[in-house]
N, C-alpha and C. Protein backbone atom coordinates (compact mmCIF):
# COMPACT_ATOMS: atom_id res chain seq x y z
N MET A 1 -26.57 -39.94 -41.66
CA MET A 1 -25.18 -39.96 -42.06
C MET A 1 -24.77 -41.29 -42.69
N ASP A 2 -25.75 -42.13 -42.99
CA ASP A 2 -25.44 -43.43 -43.58
C ASP A 2 -24.66 -43.31 -44.89
N ASP A 3 -24.83 -42.19 -45.58
CA ASP A 3 -24.15 -42.02 -46.86
C ASP A 3 -22.77 -41.40 -46.68
N LEU A 4 -22.32 -41.23 -45.45
CA LEU A 4 -21.01 -40.63 -45.20
C LEU A 4 -20.17 -41.59 -44.37
N PRO A 5 -19.42 -42.46 -45.02
CA PRO A 5 -18.64 -43.46 -44.29
C PRO A 5 -17.67 -42.85 -43.26
N ALA A 6 -17.20 -41.64 -43.50
CA ALA A 6 -16.27 -41.02 -42.54
C ALA A 6 -16.95 -40.79 -41.20
N PHE A 7 -18.22 -40.41 -41.23
CA PHE A 7 -18.93 -40.23 -39.97
C PHE A 7 -19.06 -41.56 -39.24
N ASP A 8 -19.38 -42.61 -39.99
CA ASP A 8 -19.51 -43.93 -39.38
C ASP A 8 -18.20 -44.36 -38.72
N LEU A 9 -17.08 -44.13 -39.43
CA LEU A 9 -15.78 -44.50 -38.87
C LEU A 9 -15.45 -43.67 -37.64
N ALA A 10 -15.69 -42.36 -37.72
CA ALA A 10 -15.43 -41.49 -36.56
C ALA A 10 -16.30 -41.90 -35.37
N ALA A 11 -17.57 -42.17 -35.62
CA ALA A 11 -18.47 -42.57 -34.53
C ALA A 11 -18.02 -43.88 -33.89
N ARG A 12 -17.57 -44.81 -34.72
CA ARG A 12 -17.12 -46.10 -34.18
C ARG A 12 -15.85 -45.93 -33.32
N TRP A 13 -14.86 -45.19 -33.83
CA TRP A 13 -13.60 -45.07 -33.12
C TRP A 13 -13.68 -44.12 -31.92
N HIS A 14 -14.55 -43.12 -31.98
CA HIS A 14 -14.69 -42.18 -30.86
C HIS A 14 -15.76 -42.63 -29.86
N ALA A 15 -16.35 -43.81 -30.08
CA ALA A 15 -17.40 -44.31 -29.18
C ALA A 15 -16.89 -44.34 -27.74
N GLY A 16 -17.71 -43.82 -26.84
CA GLY A 16 -17.37 -43.82 -25.42
C GLY A 16 -16.52 -42.64 -24.99
N GLN A 17 -15.99 -41.87 -25.93
CA GLN A 17 -15.20 -40.69 -25.57
C GLN A 17 -16.13 -39.50 -25.36
N THR A 18 -15.74 -38.61 -24.46
CA THR A 18 -16.53 -37.41 -24.21
C THR A 18 -15.64 -36.18 -24.29
N ARG A 19 -16.27 -35.03 -24.50
CA ARG A 19 -15.56 -33.75 -24.51
C ARG A 19 -15.24 -33.35 -23.08
N LYS A 20 -14.35 -32.36 -22.93
CA LYS A 20 -13.91 -31.93 -21.61
C LYS A 20 -14.93 -31.07 -20.88
N GLY A 21 -15.92 -30.52 -21.57
CA GLY A 21 -16.89 -29.62 -20.97
C GLY A 21 -17.70 -30.28 -19.87
N CYS A 22 -18.40 -29.46 -19.11
CA CYS A 22 -19.23 -29.94 -18.00
C CYS A 22 -20.32 -30.90 -18.46
N LYS A 23 -20.82 -30.69 -19.68
CA LYS A 23 -21.90 -31.53 -20.20
C LYS A 23 -21.44 -32.92 -20.59
N GLN A 24 -20.12 -33.11 -20.75
CA GLN A 24 -19.56 -34.41 -21.12
C GLN A 24 -20.24 -34.98 -22.36
N GLU A 25 -20.44 -34.12 -23.37
CA GLU A 25 -21.10 -34.58 -24.60
C GLU A 25 -20.23 -35.60 -25.32
N PRO A 26 -20.86 -36.48 -26.11
CA PRO A 26 -20.08 -37.45 -26.88
C PRO A 26 -19.05 -36.74 -27.76
N PHE A 27 -17.83 -37.23 -27.76
CA PHE A 27 -16.75 -36.57 -28.50
C PHE A 27 -17.06 -36.44 -29.98
N VAL A 28 -17.75 -37.41 -30.56
CA VAL A 28 -18.01 -37.40 -32.00
C VAL A 28 -18.77 -36.14 -32.43
N GLN A 29 -19.42 -35.47 -31.48
CA GLN A 29 -20.09 -34.21 -31.81
C GLN A 29 -19.10 -33.16 -32.30
N HIS A 30 -17.87 -33.20 -31.78
CA HIS A 30 -16.86 -32.21 -32.18
C HIS A 30 -16.49 -32.34 -33.67
N PRO A 31 -16.05 -33.50 -34.16
CA PRO A 31 -15.75 -33.57 -35.59
C PRO A 31 -16.98 -33.32 -36.47
N LEU A 32 -18.15 -33.67 -35.97
CA LEU A 32 -19.37 -33.38 -36.73
C LEU A 32 -19.58 -31.87 -36.84
N ARG A 33 -19.33 -31.14 -35.76
CA ARG A 33 -19.46 -29.67 -35.82
C ARG A 33 -18.38 -29.05 -36.69
N VAL A 34 -17.16 -29.60 -36.65
CA VAL A 34 -16.08 -29.08 -37.51
C VAL A 34 -16.50 -29.21 -38.97
N ALA A 35 -17.02 -30.36 -39.34
CA ALA A 35 -17.51 -30.55 -40.72
C ALA A 35 -18.65 -29.58 -41.00
N GLY A 36 -19.53 -29.39 -40.02
CA GLY A 36 -20.66 -28.47 -40.19
C GLY A 36 -20.22 -27.03 -40.39
N ILE A 37 -19.16 -26.63 -39.71
CA ILE A 37 -18.63 -25.27 -39.89
C ILE A 37 -18.15 -25.08 -41.32
N LEU A 38 -17.45 -26.09 -41.84
CA LEU A 38 -17.00 -26.01 -43.23
C LEU A 38 -18.20 -25.87 -44.17
N ILE A 39 -19.20 -26.71 -43.97
CA ILE A 39 -20.39 -26.69 -44.84
C ILE A 39 -21.11 -25.35 -44.71
N GLN A 40 -21.24 -24.86 -43.49
CA GLN A 40 -21.89 -23.56 -43.25
C GLN A 40 -21.22 -22.44 -44.04
N HIS A 41 -19.92 -22.58 -44.25
CA HIS A 41 -19.16 -21.54 -44.96
C HIS A 41 -18.90 -21.90 -46.42
N GLY A 42 -19.68 -22.84 -46.95
CA GLY A 42 -19.64 -23.13 -48.37
C GLY A 42 -18.60 -24.13 -48.82
N VAL A 43 -17.92 -24.76 -47.88
CA VAL A 43 -16.92 -25.78 -48.21
C VAL A 43 -17.64 -27.12 -48.18
N THR A 44 -17.94 -27.65 -49.37
CA THR A 44 -18.79 -28.84 -49.43
C THR A 44 -18.15 -30.03 -50.12
N ARG A 45 -16.86 -29.94 -50.42
CA ARG A 45 -16.20 -31.09 -51.05
C ARG A 45 -16.29 -32.29 -50.13
N ARG A 46 -16.81 -33.38 -50.66
CA ARG A 46 -17.01 -34.58 -49.86
C ARG A 46 -15.70 -35.09 -49.23
N ASP A 47 -14.60 -35.04 -49.99
CA ASP A 47 -13.33 -35.52 -49.44
C ASP A 47 -12.86 -34.65 -48.27
N LEU A 48 -13.07 -33.36 -48.37
CA LEU A 48 -12.66 -32.44 -47.30
C LEU A 48 -13.57 -32.60 -46.08
N ILE A 49 -14.85 -32.80 -46.30
CA ILE A 49 -15.77 -33.05 -45.18
C ILE A 49 -15.41 -34.37 -44.50
N SER A 50 -15.04 -35.37 -45.29
CA SER A 50 -14.60 -36.64 -44.70
C SER A 50 -13.37 -36.43 -43.82
N ALA A 51 -12.40 -35.67 -44.31
CA ALA A 51 -11.19 -35.41 -43.52
C ALA A 51 -11.52 -34.64 -42.24
N ALA A 52 -12.47 -33.70 -42.33
CA ALA A 52 -12.88 -32.96 -41.13
C ALA A 52 -13.49 -33.89 -40.10
N LEU A 53 -14.30 -34.84 -40.56
CA LEU A 53 -14.92 -35.80 -39.65
C LEU A 53 -13.89 -36.71 -38.99
N LEU A 54 -12.77 -36.91 -39.68
CA LEU A 54 -11.73 -37.83 -39.19
C LEU A 54 -10.54 -37.10 -38.56
N HIS A 55 -10.61 -35.78 -38.44
CA HIS A 55 -9.41 -35.00 -38.10
C HIS A 55 -8.78 -35.35 -36.76
N ASP A 56 -9.53 -35.88 -35.81
CA ASP A 56 -8.98 -36.23 -34.49
C ASP A 56 -8.82 -37.73 -34.28
N ILE A 57 -9.18 -38.51 -35.27
CA ILE A 57 -9.26 -39.96 -35.07
C ILE A 57 -7.89 -40.60 -34.78
N LEU A 58 -6.85 -40.14 -35.45
CA LEU A 58 -5.53 -40.74 -35.22
C LEU A 58 -4.92 -40.24 -33.92
N GLU A 59 -5.28 -39.03 -33.55
CA GLU A 59 -4.74 -38.40 -32.35
C GLU A 59 -5.38 -38.96 -31.08
N ASP A 60 -6.67 -39.27 -31.16
CA ASP A 60 -7.42 -39.60 -29.95
C ASP A 60 -7.94 -41.03 -29.88
N THR A 61 -7.60 -41.86 -30.88
CA THR A 61 -8.03 -43.26 -30.85
C THR A 61 -6.87 -44.13 -31.32
N ASP A 62 -7.10 -45.42 -31.34
CA ASP A 62 -6.10 -46.36 -31.83
C ASP A 62 -6.36 -46.76 -33.29
N CYS A 63 -7.15 -45.98 -33.99
CA CYS A 63 -7.43 -46.28 -35.40
C CYS A 63 -6.12 -46.32 -36.18
N PRO A 64 -5.87 -47.38 -36.91
CA PRO A 64 -4.65 -47.44 -37.71
C PRO A 64 -4.73 -46.46 -38.89
N PRO A 65 -3.68 -45.68 -39.13
CA PRO A 65 -3.68 -44.74 -40.26
C PRO A 65 -4.03 -45.43 -41.59
N GLU A 66 -3.62 -46.67 -41.75
CA GLU A 66 -3.89 -47.39 -43.00
C GLU A 66 -5.38 -47.57 -43.24
N GLU A 67 -6.17 -47.64 -42.17
CA GLU A 67 -7.61 -47.77 -42.34
C GLU A 67 -8.18 -46.53 -43.04
N ILE A 68 -7.67 -45.37 -42.70
CA ILE A 68 -8.13 -44.14 -43.36
C ILE A 68 -7.65 -44.12 -44.81
N ARG A 69 -6.40 -44.46 -45.02
CA ARG A 69 -5.86 -44.45 -46.38
C ARG A 69 -6.61 -45.43 -47.27
N THR A 70 -6.88 -46.61 -46.75
CA THR A 70 -7.58 -47.63 -47.54
C THR A 70 -9.01 -47.22 -47.88
N GLN A 71 -9.72 -46.69 -46.89
CA GLN A 71 -11.14 -46.36 -47.10
C GLN A 71 -11.35 -45.04 -47.83
N PHE A 72 -10.43 -44.07 -47.65
CA PHE A 72 -10.71 -42.72 -48.13
C PHE A 72 -9.66 -42.17 -49.09
N GLY A 73 -8.57 -42.89 -49.28
CA GLY A 73 -7.57 -42.46 -50.24
C GLY A 73 -6.47 -41.60 -49.64
N ASN A 74 -5.45 -41.36 -50.47
CA ASN A 74 -4.26 -40.65 -50.01
C ASN A 74 -4.52 -39.19 -49.64
N GLU A 75 -5.41 -38.51 -50.37
CA GLU A 75 -5.65 -37.10 -50.06
C GLU A 75 -6.26 -36.92 -48.68
N VAL A 76 -7.35 -37.63 -48.40
CA VAL A 76 -8.01 -37.53 -47.10
C VAL A 76 -7.03 -37.95 -46.01
N TRP A 77 -6.36 -39.07 -46.21
CA TRP A 77 -5.37 -39.54 -45.23
C TRP A 77 -4.30 -38.47 -45.00
N GLY A 78 -3.82 -37.85 -46.06
CA GLY A 78 -2.79 -36.83 -45.94
C GLY A 78 -3.25 -35.63 -45.14
N TRP A 79 -4.48 -35.16 -45.39
CA TRP A 79 -4.99 -34.01 -44.64
C TRP A 79 -5.17 -34.35 -43.16
N VAL A 80 -5.66 -35.56 -42.89
CA VAL A 80 -5.80 -35.99 -41.50
C VAL A 80 -4.43 -36.05 -40.83
N MET A 81 -3.45 -36.58 -41.54
CA MET A 81 -2.09 -36.64 -40.98
C MET A 81 -1.54 -35.24 -40.70
N GLU A 82 -1.83 -34.30 -41.58
CA GLU A 82 -1.32 -32.94 -41.40
C GLU A 82 -1.83 -32.30 -40.12
N VAL A 83 -3.07 -32.58 -39.75
CA VAL A 83 -3.65 -31.92 -38.57
C VAL A 83 -3.59 -32.79 -37.31
N THR A 84 -2.92 -33.92 -37.40
CA THR A 84 -2.80 -34.82 -36.25
C THR A 84 -1.57 -34.47 -35.44
N ASP A 85 -1.79 -34.20 -34.14
CA ASP A 85 -0.67 -33.97 -33.22
C ASP A 85 -0.03 -35.30 -32.87
N ARG A 86 1.26 -35.26 -32.64
CA ARG A 86 1.99 -36.46 -32.23
C ARG A 86 1.88 -36.60 -30.72
N LYS A 87 1.03 -37.52 -30.28
CA LYS A 87 0.73 -37.68 -28.86
C LYS A 87 1.91 -38.14 -28.02
N GLU A 88 2.95 -38.68 -28.67
CA GLU A 88 4.10 -39.13 -27.89
C GLU A 88 4.95 -37.95 -27.41
N LEU A 89 4.70 -36.77 -27.95
CA LEU A 89 5.45 -35.57 -27.56
C LEU A 89 4.78 -34.89 -26.37
N LEU A 90 5.56 -34.13 -25.62
CA LEU A 90 4.99 -33.35 -24.53
C LEU A 90 3.94 -32.39 -25.07
N LYS A 91 2.92 -32.13 -24.28
CA LYS A 91 1.83 -31.25 -24.71
C LYS A 91 2.36 -29.88 -25.14
N SER A 92 3.28 -29.33 -24.39
CA SER A 92 3.80 -27.99 -24.72
C SER A 92 4.50 -28.00 -26.09
N LEU A 93 5.20 -29.08 -26.40
CA LEU A 93 5.85 -29.19 -27.70
C LEU A 93 4.84 -29.38 -28.82
N ARG A 94 3.81 -30.18 -28.57
CA ARG A 94 2.75 -30.36 -29.57
C ARG A 94 2.08 -29.04 -29.89
N LYS A 95 1.81 -28.26 -28.86
CA LYS A 95 1.17 -26.97 -29.08
C LYS A 95 2.08 -26.02 -29.86
N GLN A 96 3.36 -26.01 -29.52
CA GLN A 96 4.31 -25.16 -30.25
C GLN A 96 4.43 -25.60 -31.71
N MET A 97 4.41 -26.90 -31.94
CA MET A 97 4.49 -27.41 -33.30
C MET A 97 3.26 -26.99 -34.12
N GLN A 98 2.09 -26.95 -33.49
CA GLN A 98 0.90 -26.50 -34.22
C GLN A 98 1.07 -25.06 -34.68
N VAL A 99 1.64 -24.22 -33.82
CA VAL A 99 1.88 -22.82 -34.18
C VAL A 99 2.88 -22.75 -35.32
N GLU A 100 4.00 -23.44 -35.17
CA GLU A 100 5.09 -23.35 -36.15
C GLU A 100 4.73 -23.98 -37.49
N ARG A 101 3.95 -25.03 -37.49
CA ARG A 101 3.63 -25.74 -38.73
C ARG A 101 2.41 -25.21 -39.45
N ALA A 102 1.66 -24.31 -38.82
CA ALA A 102 0.40 -23.84 -39.39
C ALA A 102 0.57 -23.31 -40.81
N GLU A 103 1.58 -22.52 -41.03
CA GLU A 103 1.75 -21.91 -42.36
C GLU A 103 2.14 -22.93 -43.42
N MET A 104 2.64 -24.09 -43.02
CA MET A 104 3.08 -25.11 -43.97
C MET A 104 1.97 -26.09 -44.36
N LEU A 105 0.81 -25.99 -43.72
CA LEU A 105 -0.27 -26.90 -44.03
C LEU A 105 -0.80 -26.65 -45.43
N SER A 106 -1.36 -27.69 -46.02
CA SER A 106 -2.03 -27.55 -47.31
C SER A 106 -3.25 -26.65 -47.12
N PRO A 107 -3.76 -26.07 -48.19
CA PRO A 107 -4.98 -25.24 -48.06
C PRO A 107 -6.14 -26.01 -47.43
N GLU A 108 -6.28 -27.28 -47.75
CA GLU A 108 -7.37 -28.09 -47.19
C GLU A 108 -7.16 -28.30 -45.69
N ALA A 109 -5.95 -28.62 -45.28
CA ALA A 109 -5.67 -28.82 -43.86
C ALA A 109 -5.85 -27.52 -43.09
N LYS A 110 -5.53 -26.39 -43.71
CA LYS A 110 -5.74 -25.09 -43.06
C LYS A 110 -7.23 -24.85 -42.80
N LEU A 111 -8.08 -25.22 -43.74
CA LEU A 111 -9.52 -25.08 -43.53
C LEU A 111 -9.99 -25.92 -42.35
N ILE A 112 -9.51 -27.15 -42.28
CA ILE A 112 -9.88 -28.05 -41.18
C ILE A 112 -9.36 -27.48 -39.86
N ARG A 113 -8.13 -27.02 -39.83
CA ARG A 113 -7.54 -26.46 -38.61
C ARG A 113 -8.34 -25.24 -38.14
N LEU A 114 -8.71 -24.36 -39.06
CA LEU A 114 -9.48 -23.18 -38.68
C LEU A 114 -10.86 -23.57 -38.16
N ALA A 115 -11.54 -24.48 -38.83
CA ALA A 115 -12.85 -24.93 -38.36
C ALA A 115 -12.74 -25.59 -36.98
N ASP A 116 -11.67 -26.33 -36.75
CA ASP A 116 -11.42 -26.97 -35.46
C ASP A 116 -11.27 -25.91 -34.37
N LYS A 117 -10.51 -24.86 -34.65
CA LYS A 117 -10.31 -23.80 -33.65
C LYS A 117 -11.62 -23.07 -33.39
N ILE A 118 -12.42 -22.84 -34.43
CA ILE A 118 -13.72 -22.19 -34.24
C ILE A 118 -14.56 -23.03 -33.28
N ASP A 119 -14.65 -24.33 -33.54
CA ASP A 119 -15.48 -25.17 -32.67
C ASP A 119 -14.92 -25.23 -31.25
N ASN A 120 -13.62 -25.30 -31.12
CA ASN A 120 -13.05 -25.35 -29.78
C ASN A 120 -13.36 -24.07 -28.99
N LEU A 121 -13.28 -22.92 -29.65
CA LEU A 121 -13.61 -21.67 -28.96
C LEU A 121 -15.11 -21.60 -28.65
N GLU A 122 -15.95 -22.05 -29.59
CA GLU A 122 -17.38 -22.06 -29.32
C GLU A 122 -17.69 -22.97 -28.14
N SER A 123 -16.98 -24.08 -28.02
CA SER A 123 -17.18 -24.98 -26.89
C SER A 123 -16.74 -24.32 -25.58
N LEU A 124 -15.65 -23.56 -25.62
CA LEU A 124 -15.23 -22.82 -24.42
C LEU A 124 -16.28 -21.80 -24.02
N LEU A 125 -16.92 -21.22 -25.00
CA LEU A 125 -17.94 -20.21 -24.74
C LEU A 125 -19.20 -20.83 -24.14
N THR A 126 -19.61 -21.99 -24.64
CA THR A 126 -20.89 -22.58 -24.23
C THR A 126 -20.78 -23.68 -23.18
N ASP A 127 -19.63 -24.37 -23.13
CA ASP A 127 -19.50 -25.50 -22.21
C ASP A 127 -18.03 -25.71 -21.83
N PRO A 128 -17.45 -24.74 -21.09
CA PRO A 128 -16.04 -24.88 -20.74
C PRO A 128 -15.82 -26.02 -19.73
N PRO A 129 -14.64 -26.61 -19.76
CA PRO A 129 -14.34 -27.61 -18.73
C PRO A 129 -14.44 -26.98 -17.34
N ALA A 130 -15.00 -27.71 -16.40
CA ALA A 130 -15.21 -27.19 -15.05
C ALA A 130 -13.90 -26.78 -14.38
N ASN A 131 -12.82 -27.48 -14.70
CA ASN A 131 -11.55 -27.22 -14.03
C ASN A 131 -10.69 -26.18 -14.77
N TRP A 132 -11.24 -25.53 -15.79
CA TRP A 132 -10.49 -24.50 -16.52
C TRP A 132 -10.85 -23.13 -15.97
N SER A 133 -9.90 -22.49 -15.33
CA SER A 133 -10.08 -21.13 -14.84
C SER A 133 -10.14 -20.17 -16.03
N TRP A 134 -10.50 -18.91 -15.74
CA TRP A 134 -10.48 -17.90 -16.80
C TRP A 134 -9.07 -17.76 -17.36
N LEU A 135 -8.07 -17.85 -16.49
CA LEU A 135 -6.69 -17.75 -16.96
C LEU A 135 -6.38 -18.88 -17.93
N ARG A 136 -6.76 -20.10 -17.62
CA ARG A 136 -6.53 -21.25 -18.51
C ARG A 136 -7.26 -21.05 -19.84
N GLN A 137 -8.47 -20.54 -19.78
CA GLN A 137 -9.22 -20.29 -21.01
C GLN A 137 -8.55 -19.21 -21.85
N ARG A 138 -8.08 -18.14 -21.21
CA ARG A 138 -7.39 -17.07 -21.94
C ARG A 138 -6.10 -17.58 -22.57
N GLU A 139 -5.40 -18.45 -21.86
CA GLU A 139 -4.17 -19.04 -22.42
C GLU A 139 -4.50 -19.86 -23.66
N TYR A 140 -5.60 -20.62 -23.60
CA TYR A 140 -5.99 -21.40 -24.77
C TYR A 140 -6.31 -20.48 -25.95
N VAL A 141 -7.06 -19.42 -25.69
CA VAL A 141 -7.42 -18.49 -26.76
C VAL A 141 -6.17 -17.83 -27.34
N ALA A 142 -5.23 -17.45 -26.49
CA ALA A 142 -3.98 -16.83 -26.98
C ALA A 142 -3.22 -17.80 -27.87
N TRP A 143 -3.16 -19.06 -27.47
CA TRP A 143 -2.49 -20.08 -28.29
C TRP A 143 -3.23 -20.29 -29.60
N ALA A 144 -4.57 -20.41 -29.54
CA ALA A 144 -5.36 -20.59 -30.77
C ALA A 144 -5.15 -19.41 -31.71
N ASN A 145 -5.06 -18.21 -31.15
CA ASN A 145 -4.80 -17.02 -31.99
C ASN A 145 -3.47 -17.13 -32.72
N ARG A 146 -2.45 -17.64 -32.04
CA ARG A 146 -1.14 -17.80 -32.70
C ARG A 146 -1.23 -18.82 -33.84
N VAL A 147 -1.94 -19.90 -33.60
CA VAL A 147 -2.12 -20.91 -34.65
C VAL A 147 -2.85 -20.29 -35.84
N VAL A 148 -3.98 -19.64 -35.58
CA VAL A 148 -4.80 -19.08 -36.66
C VAL A 148 -4.03 -17.99 -37.40
N LYS A 149 -3.31 -17.16 -36.67
CA LYS A 149 -2.51 -16.12 -37.33
C LYS A 149 -1.50 -16.73 -38.29
N ASN A 150 -0.86 -17.81 -37.87
CA ASN A 150 0.16 -18.45 -38.70
C ASN A 150 -0.42 -19.24 -39.87
N LEU A 151 -1.72 -19.49 -39.85
CA LEU A 151 -2.34 -20.14 -41.00
C LEU A 151 -2.28 -19.21 -42.22
N GLY A 152 -2.27 -17.91 -41.95
CA GLY A 152 -2.33 -16.95 -43.04
C GLY A 152 -3.76 -16.87 -43.55
N PRO A 153 -3.96 -16.19 -44.68
CA PRO A 153 -5.32 -16.11 -45.23
C PRO A 153 -5.82 -17.50 -45.62
N VAL A 154 -7.00 -17.85 -45.13
CA VAL A 154 -7.56 -19.17 -45.39
C VAL A 154 -8.91 -19.05 -46.08
N HIS A 155 -9.84 -18.40 -45.39
CA HIS A 155 -11.22 -18.28 -45.84
C HIS A 155 -11.80 -17.08 -45.09
N PRO A 156 -11.97 -15.94 -45.76
CA PRO A 156 -12.36 -14.71 -45.06
C PRO A 156 -13.60 -14.85 -44.17
N GLU A 157 -14.61 -15.54 -44.64
CA GLU A 157 -15.83 -15.69 -43.85
C GLU A 157 -15.58 -16.53 -42.60
N MET A 158 -14.81 -17.60 -42.73
CA MET A 158 -14.48 -18.43 -41.56
C MET A 158 -13.59 -17.66 -40.61
N GLU A 159 -12.69 -16.84 -41.13
CA GLU A 159 -11.83 -16.03 -40.26
C GLU A 159 -12.66 -15.04 -39.45
N ARG A 160 -13.68 -14.43 -40.08
CA ARG A 160 -14.57 -13.53 -39.35
C ARG A 160 -15.35 -14.30 -38.28
N HIS A 161 -15.77 -15.50 -38.60
CA HIS A 161 -16.48 -16.35 -37.63
C HIS A 161 -15.57 -16.60 -36.42
N TYR A 162 -14.32 -16.97 -36.68
CA TYR A 162 -13.36 -17.19 -35.60
C TYR A 162 -13.22 -15.93 -34.74
N GLN A 163 -13.02 -14.79 -35.38
CA GLN A 163 -12.82 -13.53 -34.65
C GLN A 163 -14.03 -13.18 -33.80
N LYS A 164 -15.23 -13.43 -34.33
CA LYS A 164 -16.45 -13.14 -33.57
C LYS A 164 -16.52 -13.99 -32.30
N VAL A 165 -16.25 -15.28 -32.44
CA VAL A 165 -16.29 -16.17 -31.27
C VAL A 165 -15.19 -15.80 -30.29
N ARG A 166 -13.99 -15.52 -30.80
CA ARG A 166 -12.88 -15.10 -29.94
C ARG A 166 -13.26 -13.84 -29.15
N ASP A 167 -13.86 -12.87 -29.83
CA ASP A 167 -14.25 -11.63 -29.17
C ASP A 167 -15.33 -11.86 -28.12
N GLN A 168 -16.27 -12.76 -28.40
CA GLN A 168 -17.30 -13.10 -27.42
C GLN A 168 -16.68 -13.73 -26.18
N LEU A 169 -15.70 -14.59 -26.38
CA LEU A 169 -15.00 -15.21 -25.25
C LEU A 169 -14.28 -14.16 -24.42
N TRP A 170 -13.63 -13.23 -25.10
CA TRP A 170 -12.90 -12.17 -24.40
C TRP A 170 -13.87 -11.34 -23.56
N LEU A 171 -15.01 -10.97 -24.14
CA LEU A 171 -15.99 -10.19 -23.40
C LEU A 171 -16.49 -10.96 -22.19
N LYS A 172 -16.73 -12.24 -22.38
CA LYS A 172 -17.19 -13.09 -21.25
C LYS A 172 -16.11 -13.15 -20.16
N ALA A 173 -14.87 -13.31 -20.60
CA ALA A 173 -13.76 -13.44 -19.64
C ALA A 173 -13.51 -12.16 -18.87
N THR A 174 -13.78 -11.04 -19.49
CA THR A 174 -13.54 -9.76 -18.81
C THR A 174 -14.79 -9.21 -18.14
N GLY A 175 -15.91 -9.96 -18.26
CA GLY A 175 -17.14 -9.56 -17.59
C GLY A 175 -17.87 -8.43 -18.27
N GLN A 176 -17.52 -8.13 -19.51
CA GLN A 176 -18.19 -7.05 -20.24
C GLN A 176 -19.41 -7.61 -20.94
N SER A 177 -20.36 -6.76 -21.18
CA SER A 177 -21.57 -7.15 -21.88
C SER A 177 -21.27 -7.25 -23.37
N THR A 178 -21.93 -8.20 -24.05
CA THR A 178 -21.77 -8.32 -25.49
C THR A 178 -22.80 -7.47 -26.22
N GLN A 179 -23.68 -6.81 -25.47
CA GLN A 179 -24.67 -5.95 -26.11
C GLN A 179 -24.21 -4.51 -26.05
N SER A 180 -24.52 -3.75 -27.11
CA SER A 180 -24.12 -2.34 -27.17
C SER A 180 -25.05 -1.49 -26.35
């Protein structure tokens, strides 16, 4: 990743952070997977991949927004700002704002948001937080569904990917087999 400064910046600022799952994987794996989901679905614009790698940096670190603007320009900075939750707000309000603002995001920010939700659901499927009951997981999926629905049409293949993972989670949560 030496040729991708956004990864270097994300790795530096997310150093020492871990995901909520039982495996406590390094947090930087999440933005890397979000970028990977975009690439897997044919979204290969370097500026958009950079924004995907940086999508949680302002929300979860003390990285100054100006550092992103200076290094990556106004477009990348703008997309990162669009998908950044305001941490000073109550969690319930932040979540409601994600639902309400989804349709107003730029097409690029919508792609990042959808890839983020795909990875978050895949993480729930493979490595859920130990303290998240099935009810908590279902609540998260219901909220993610509201966000994704409000994005509107984004990328048909990525939308199918999201639906597949969501359906796998539902089957797991209800104890049904995923095999026919």
